[in-house]
């Protein structure tokens, strides 16, 4: 794959671009990288107040961990989601945001999208380390499951990068893409079991019955790849148990498919990017 060869041959450029992304985001701020924790903490507080204290959402306790803390249950799925949106939004704007650089000199354009992904991964890793430390403090047996957590972090990064590759090209040709995606992500968030458990969807699906043939509402709901990732991270970090086999396979398939298709789309249009921009 030419994209892999381009990235291998431009390792130094990729490192420098990633460093620029990481340092530039919080340049001249008093708290620096600590700001990467501010947004998820604020979201946690808001969602906990709204869904735990006002709406009284009550997810099942962790099985077999026994944890029953809504804020931690929420964060196990919210952090992967915020990482996904950061990669998608950052990668989608990577080419357009570096229009002048692309027009002036040739370099592998993929490094811009990958550097944005690496920057988001760095920040996500910090957030996950903090979450893991808190989970261990309250009694989670997370250390046993850390290797698998890292594996699924890599799979989610691959899935997110594949989507970012496709949207970065789409945004070059159609600048409305970024506005459409912003709306789509808002809808996608509430179609993903982040602030509510899948159990509620299953109960509604059972009460409605088959929609057509033997296909139920739950069957359609489970087509959401981010829903699968949310469940896997909760199983590992909050429940402390093996993820469902179906979720594991779905995450792997979605990741490989998204990355391969995204790379193919990007490679097909990379030569015309400077011209279109």
Protein backbone atom coordinates (compact mmCIF):
# COMPACT_ATOMS: atom_id res chain seq x y z
CA UNK A 1 0.00 0.00 0.00
CA UNK A 2 1.55 3.32 -1.09
CA UNK A 3 0.11 5.12 1.91
CA UNK A 4 2.07 2.89 4.29
CA UNK A 5 5.24 3.43 2.24
CA UNK A 6 4.71 7.21 2.28
CA UNK A 7 4.31 7.24 6.04
CA UNK A 8 7.35 5.03 6.54
CA UNK A 9 9.50 7.25 4.33
CA UNK A 10 8.33 10.44 6.06
CA UNK A 11 8.63 9.36 9.70
CA UNK A 12 10.51 12.48 10.74
CA UNK A 13 7.93 14.76 9.14
CA UNK A 14 5.13 12.81 10.81
CA UNK A 15 6.78 13.19 14.22
CA UNK A 16 7.27 16.93 13.72
CA UNK A 17 3.67 17.43 12.56
CA UNK A 18 2.36 15.47 15.52
CA UNK A 19 4.52 17.49 17.91
CA UNK A 20 3.20 20.67 16.30
CA UNK A 21 -0.38 19.51 16.78
CA UNK A 22 0.16 18.59 20.42
CA UNK A 23 2.05 21.75 21.38
CA UNK A 24 0.03 24.14 19.25
CA UNK A 25 -3.37 23.22 20.66
CA UNK A 26 -2.65 24.59 24.14
CA UNK A 27 0.12 27.05 23.30
CA UNK A 28 0.35 30.03 25.69
CA UNK A 29 -2.24 28.60 28.08
CA UNK A 30 -1.65 28.49 31.83
CA UNK A 31 -2.74 24.86 32.31
CA UNK A 32 -1.27 23.46 29.08
CA UNK A 33 -2.06 19.76 28.57
CA UNK A 34 -4.30 19.74 31.64
CA UNK A 35 -6.93 21.38 29.42
CA UNK A 36 -7.25 18.01 27.66
CA UNK A 37 -8.93 16.77 30.85
CA UNK A 38 -11.20 19.78 31.29
CA UNK A 39 -13.65 19.02 28.48
CA UNK A 40 -14.38 15.36 29.40
CA UNK A 41 -14.65 16.32 33.09
CA UNK A 42 -17.14 19.07 32.25
CA UNK A 43 -19.16 16.67 30.10
CA UNK A 44 -19.08 14.09 32.88
CA UNK A 45 -20.44 16.57 35.41
CA UNK A 46 -23.20 17.79 33.08
CA UNK A 47 -24.33 14.34 31.98
CA UNK A 48 -24.14 12.97 35.52
CA UNK A 49 -26.36 15.76 36.87
CA UNK A 50 -28.85 15.50 33.99
CA UNK A 51 -29.07 11.73 33.51
CA UNK A 52 -28.26 10.42 36.99
CA UNK A 53 -29.86 12.98 39.33
CA UNK A 54 -32.63 14.50 37.18
CA UNK A 55 -33.69 11.76 34.76
CA UNK A 56 -32.61 9.06 37.24
CA UNK A 57 -30.92 6.80 34.72
CA UNK A 58 -29.81 3.64 36.53
CA UNK A 59 -27.46 1.35 34.59
CA UNK A 60 -26.82 -2.11 35.99
CA UNK A 61 -23.88 -2.49 38.43
CA UNK A 62 -20.66 -3.77 36.92
CA UNK A 63 -20.70 -7.54 36.43
CA UNK A 64 -18.65 -9.00 38.09
CA UNK A 65 -16.81 -5.89 39.36
CA UNK A 66 -19.82 -4.72 41.40
CA UNK A 67 -19.08 -1.06 40.64
CA UNK A 68 -22.14 1.17 40.80
CA UNK A 69 -20.90 4.69 40.05
CA UNK A 70 -22.73 6.42 37.20
CA UNK A 71 -19.94 8.92 36.48
CA UNK A 72 -17.35 6.16 35.93
CA UNK A 73 -19.81 4.04 33.94
CA UNK A 74 -20.39 7.09 31.75
CA UNK A 75 -16.70 7.91 31.26
CA UNK A 76 -15.82 4.40 30.09
CA UNK A 77 -17.86 5.09 26.94
CA UNK A 78 -17.63 8.89 26.79
CA UNK A 79 -13.83 9.03 26.47
CA UNK A 80 -13.74 6.70 23.43
CA UNK A 81 -16.50 8.80 21.86
CA UNK A 82 -14.71 12.11 22.43
CA UNK A 83 -11.56 10.58 20.94
CA UNK A 84 -13.50 9.44 17.88
CA UNK A 85 -15.00 12.88 17.32
CA UNK A 86 -11.61 14.54 17.85
CA UNK A 87 -10.01 12.35 15.17
CA UNK A 88 -12.90 12.82 12.74
CA UNK A 89 -13.08 16.60 13.16
CA UNK A 90 -9.31 17.06 13.22
CA UNK A 91 -8.66 14.80 10.25
CA UNK A 92 -11.55 16.25 8.26
CA UNK A 93 -10.03 19.73 8.49
CA UNK A 94 -6.39 18.69 8.18
CA UNK A 95 -6.10 19.19 4.40
CA UNK A 96 -8.17 22.36 4.15
CA UNK A 97 -6.42 23.84 7.18
CA UNK A 98 -3.01 23.30 5.58
CA UNK A 99 -4.01 24.50 2.11
CA UNK A 100 -1.07 26.91 1.76
CA UNK A 101 1.46 24.27 2.77
CA UNK A 102 0.04 21.72 0.34
CA UNK A 103 0.21 24.19 -2.56
CA UNK A 104 3.80 25.24 -1.84
CA UNK A 105 5.68 21.98 -1.40
CA UNK A 106 5.15 18.29 -2.07
CA UNK A 107 5.05 15.85 0.82
CA UNK A 108 2.83 12.85 1.61
CA UNK A 109 -0.56 14.44 2.29
CA UNK A 110 -1.55 11.51 4.48
CA UNK A 111 0.89 12.70 7.16
CA UNK A 112 -1.42 15.62 7.93
CA UNK A 113 -4.37 13.37 8.74
CA UNK A 114 -2.25 10.79 10.57
CA UNK A 115 -0.50 13.48 12.63
CA UNK A 116 -3.88 14.83 13.70
CA UNK A 117 -4.89 11.30 14.74
CA UNK A 118 -1.66 10.75 16.67
CA UNK A 119 -2.18 14.05 18.49
CA UNK A 120 -5.70 13.03 19.52
CA UNK A 121 -4.42 9.59 20.55
CA UNK A 122 -1.80 11.20 22.80
CA UNK A 123 -4.46 13.26 24.59
CA UNK A 124 -6.84 10.30 24.79
CA UNK A 125 -4.10 8.18 26.36
CA UNK A 126 -3.68 10.74 29.14
CA UNK A 127 -7.44 10.74 29.78
CA UNK A 128 -7.59 6.94 29.83
CA UNK A 129 -4.68 6.71 32.27
CA UNK A 130 -6.48 9.08 34.65
CA UNK A 131 -9.73 7.10 34.30
CA UNK A 132 -7.89 3.82 34.86
CA UNK A 133 -6.28 5.17 38.02
CA UNK A 134 -9.65 6.26 39.42
CA UNK A 135 -11.23 2.90 38.56
CA UNK A 136 -8.44 1.05 40.36
CA UNK A 137 -8.84 3.29 43.41
CA UNK A 138 -12.54 2.41 43.70
CA UNK A 139 -11.90 -1.32 43.43
CA UNK A 140 -11.78 -2.20 39.73
CA UNK A 141 -9.51 -5.12 38.74
CA UNK A 142 -8.50 -3.20 35.64
CA UNK A 143 -4.82 -4.21 35.57
CA UNK A 144 -5.80 -7.68 34.36
CA UNK A 145 -7.62 -6.20 31.37
CA UNK A 146 -5.21 -3.40 30.41
CA UNK A 147 -3.61 -5.30 27.48
CA UNK A 148 -7.04 -5.81 25.91
CA UNK A 149 -7.97 -2.18 26.57
CA UNK A 150 -4.87 -1.12 24.63
CA UNK A 151 -5.75 -3.49 21.77
CA UNK A 152 -9.20 -1.96 21.42
CA UNK A 153 -7.77 1.54 21.69
CA UNK A 154 -5.65 0.70 18.65
CA UNK A 155 -8.67 -0.73 16.83
CA UNK A 156 -10.72 2.39 17.56
CA UNK A 157 -7.84 4.58 16.37
CA UNK A 158 -7.74 2.62 13.10
CA UNK A 159 -11.50 2.93 12.65
CA UNK A 160 -11.42 6.66 13.38
CA UNK A 161 -8.45 7.23 11.05
CA UNK A 162 -10.24 5.45 8.21
CA UNK A 163 -13.29 7.69 8.63
CA UNK A 164 -11.02 10.76 8.87
CA UNK A 165 -9.27 9.83 5.61
CA UNK A 166 -12.58 9.68 3.75
CA UNK A 167 -13.99 12.87 5.26
CA UNK A 168 -10.75 14.83 4.71
CA UNK A 169 -11.05 14.19 0.96
CA UNK A 170 -14.80 14.88 0.96
CA UNK A 171 -14.20 18.19 2.74
CA UNK A 172 -11.75 19.29 0.02
CA UNK A 173 -14.34 18.76 -2.72
CA UNK A 174 -17.44 19.73 -0.74
CA UNK A 175 -16.87 22.29 2.03
CA UNK A 176 -20.40 21.63 3.35
CA UNK A 177 -19.08 18.29 4.60
CA UNK A 178 -17.86 19.72 7.92
CA UNK A 179 -21.26 21.24 8.70
CA UNK A 180 -23.11 18.08 7.74
CA UNK A 181 -20.78 15.94 9.87
CA UNK A 182 -21.27 18.24 12.87
CA UNK A 183 -25.01 17.53 12.76
CA UNK A 184 -24.45 13.83 12.08
CA UNK A 185 -22.18 13.48 15.12
CA UNK A 186 -24.83 15.02 17.38
CA UNK A 187 -27.36 12.45 16.19
CA UNK A 188 -24.79 9.65 16.31
CA UNK A 189 -23.99 10.47 19.94
CA UNK A 190 -27.54 9.75 21.08
CA UNK A 191 -27.74 6.64 18.91
CA UNK A 192 -24.76 5.27 20.86
CA UNK A 193 -25.18 3.80 24.38
CA UNK A 194 -23.13 6.43 26.19
CA UNK A 195 -25.60 8.11 28.55
CA UNK A 196 -28.02 5.18 28.67
CA UNK A 197 -27.59 1.36 28.75
CA UNK A 198 -28.30 -0.90 25.77
CA UNK A 199 -30.80 -2.68 28.02
CA UNK A 200 -33.31 0.14 27.48
CA UNK A 201 -33.11 -0.27 23.70
CA UNK A 202 -33.51 -4.04 24.06
CA UNK A 203 -36.63 -3.55 26.18
CA UNK A 204 -38.18 -1.16 23.65
CA UNK A 205 -37.26 -3.51 20.81
CA UNK A 206 -38.97 -6.44 22.59
CA UNK A 207 -42.10 -4.39 23.19
CA UNK A 208 -42.31 -3.25 19.55
CA UNK A 209 -41.54 -6.63 18.00
CA UNK A 210 -40.08 -7.27 14.53
CA UNK A 211 -40.03 -4.24 12.22
CA UNK A 212 -39.93 -6.28 9.03
CA UNK A 213 -39.39 -10.00 8.69
CA UNK A 214 -37.34 -11.08 11.69
CA UNK A 215 -35.38 -7.80 11.90
CA UNK A 216 -35.90 -5.92 15.15
CA UNK A 217 -35.08 -2.42 16.35
CA UNK A 218 -32.19 -3.87 18.36
CA UNK A 219 -30.75 -5.51 15.24
CA UNK A 220 -30.64 -2.14 13.47
CA UNK A 221 -29.28 -0.44 16.59
CA UNK A 222 -26.38 -2.89 16.78
CA UNK A 223 -25.21 -1.87 13.30
CA UNK A 224 -23.69 1.21 14.99
CA UNK A 225 -19.93 0.53 15.24
CA UNK A 226 -19.44 3.08 18.03
CA UNK A 227 -22.07 1.28 20.06
CA UNK A 228 -19.96 -1.86 19.85
CA UNK A 229 -16.84 0.00 20.94
CA UNK A 230 -18.70 1.61 23.85
CA UNK A 231 -19.86 -1.77 25.09
CA UNK A 232 -16.38 -3.32 24.75
CA UNK A 233 -14.71 -0.57 26.77
CA UNK A 234 -17.40 -0.81 29.45
CA UNK A 235 -17.06 -4.58 29.64
CA UNK A 236 -13.29 -4.34 30.09
CA UNK A 237 -12.93 -1.27 32.28
CA UNK A 238 -16.18 -1.11 34.29
CA UNK A 239 -17.43 -4.72 34.35
CA UNK A 240 -13.96 -6.35 34.32
CA UNK A 241 -14.97 -9.18 32.01
CA UNK A 242 -14.45 -10.42 28.49
CA UNK A 243 -16.42 -8.50 25.87
CA UNK A 244 -19.15 -10.30 23.96
CA UNK A 245 -17.73 -12.24 21.01
CA UNK A 246 -20.06 -10.44 18.60
CA UNK A 247 -18.87 -7.03 19.80
CA UNK A 248 -15.21 -8.08 19.54
CA UNK A 249 -15.57 -9.37 15.99
CA UNK A 250 -17.63 -6.34 14.94
CA UNK A 251 -15.00 -3.91 16.28
CA UNK A 252 -12.21 -5.72 14.43
CA UNK A 253 -14.17 -5.90 11.17
CA UNK A 254 -15.28 -2.26 11.29
CA UNK A 255 -11.73 -1.11 12.06
CA UNK A 256 -10.06 -3.02 9.24
CA UNK A 257 -12.79 -2.16 6.74
CA UNK A 258 -12.82 1.56 7.59
CA UNK A 259 -9.02 1.86 7.43
CA UNK A 260 -8.70 -0.02 4.13
CA UNK A 261 -11.54 1.88 2.45
CA UNK A 262 -10.35 5.19 3.85
CA UNK A 263 -6.79 4.61 2.66
CA UNK A 264 -8.04 3.58 -0.79
CA UNK A 265 -10.22 6.69 -1.13
CA UNK A 266 -7.39 8.93 0.05
CA UNK A 267 -4.81 7.37 -2.29
CA UNK A 268 -7.17 7.71 -5.24
CA UNK A 269 -7.54 11.48 -4.77
CA UNK A 270 -4.23 12.50 -3.23
CA UNK A 271 -2.61 13.61 -6.51
CA UNK A 272 -5.36 16.15 -7.26
CA UNK A 273 -5.61 17.69 -3.79
CA UNK A 274 -3.37 20.68 -4.51
CA UNK A 275 -5.28 21.38 -7.71
CA UNK A 276 -8.71 21.18 -6.09
CA UNK A 277 -7.68 23.24 -3.06
